[in-house]
Amino acid sequence: MSFARILLVSMLLLSFALPLAGCKEEGPAEKAGKKIDEAVDSAKEQAKKLFE
């Protein structure tokens, strides 16, 4: 395998492993981010209903 491929695979594996090593409690930024995600999802659903 080439160095670039090994590096890419390593980065992908780390990107999946790092969230598992994070803290258990949600901080205020994470809570706000989840609320924003929910609002965006809700807006997408409403937009789909408008264009159906």
Protein backbone atom coordinates (compact mmCIF):
# COMPACT_ATOMS: atom_id res chain seq x y z
CA MET A 1 0.00 0.00 0.00
CA SER A 2 1.17 3.47 -0.71
CA PHE A 3 1.87 5.95 2.05
CA ALA A 4 -1.11 8.09 1.04
CA ARG A 5 -3.48 5.13 1.27
CA ILE A 6 -2.13 4.12 4.69
CA LEU A 7 -2.49 7.71 5.88
CA LEU A 8 -6.05 7.91 4.58
CA VAL A 9 -7.09 4.65 6.24
CA SER A 10 -5.45 5.73 9.51
CA MET A 11 -7.27 9.06 9.46
CA LEU A 12 -10.60 7.37 8.80
CA LEU A 13 -10.11 4.93 11.66
CA LEU A 14 -9.18 7.75 14.02
CA SER A 15 -12.20 9.78 12.99
CA PHE A 16 -14.44 6.88 14.03
CA ALA A 17 -12.55 6.17 17.27
CA LEU A 18 -12.21 9.71 18.62
CA PRO A 19 -15.92 10.32 19.32
CA LEU A 20 -15.99 7.15 21.42
CA ALA A 21 -13.19 8.53 23.59
CA GLY A 22 -15.02 11.81 24.23
CA CYS A 23 -16.64 12.81 27.48
CA LYS A 24 -20.00 11.35 28.47
CA GLU A 25 -21.75 14.58 29.43
CA GLU A 26 -23.01 16.99 26.81
CA GLY A 27 -21.71 20.50 27.08
CA PRO A 28 -23.73 23.62 26.27
CA ALA A 29 -22.30 23.85 22.75
CA GLU A 30 -23.27 20.27 21.97
CA LYS A 31 -26.79 20.82 23.31
CA ALA A 32 -27.14 23.97 21.21
CA GLY A 33 -25.82 22.12 18.16
CA LYS A 34 -28.40 19.37 18.59
CA LYS A 35 -31.19 21.96 18.85
CA ILE A 36 -29.95 23.61 15.67
CA ASP A 37 -29.86 20.22 13.91
CA GLU A 38 -33.42 19.53 15.00
CA ALA A 39 -34.56 22.96 13.78
CA VAL A 40 -32.90 22.42 10.39
CA ASP A 41 -34.48 18.98 10.05
CA SER A 42 -37.88 20.42 10.93
CA ALA A 43 -37.45 23.20 8.38
CA LYS A 44 -36.50 20.66 5.70
CA GLU A 45 -39.62 18.63 6.43
CA GLN A 46 -41.81 21.72 6.25
CA ALA A 47 -40.20 22.75 2.95
CA LYS A 48 -40.82 19.30 1.50
CA LYS A 49 -44.48 19.54 2.48
CA LEU A 50 -44.78 22.91 0.75
CA PHE A 51 -43.42 21.58 -2.54
CA GLU A 52 -45.38 18.34 -2.65
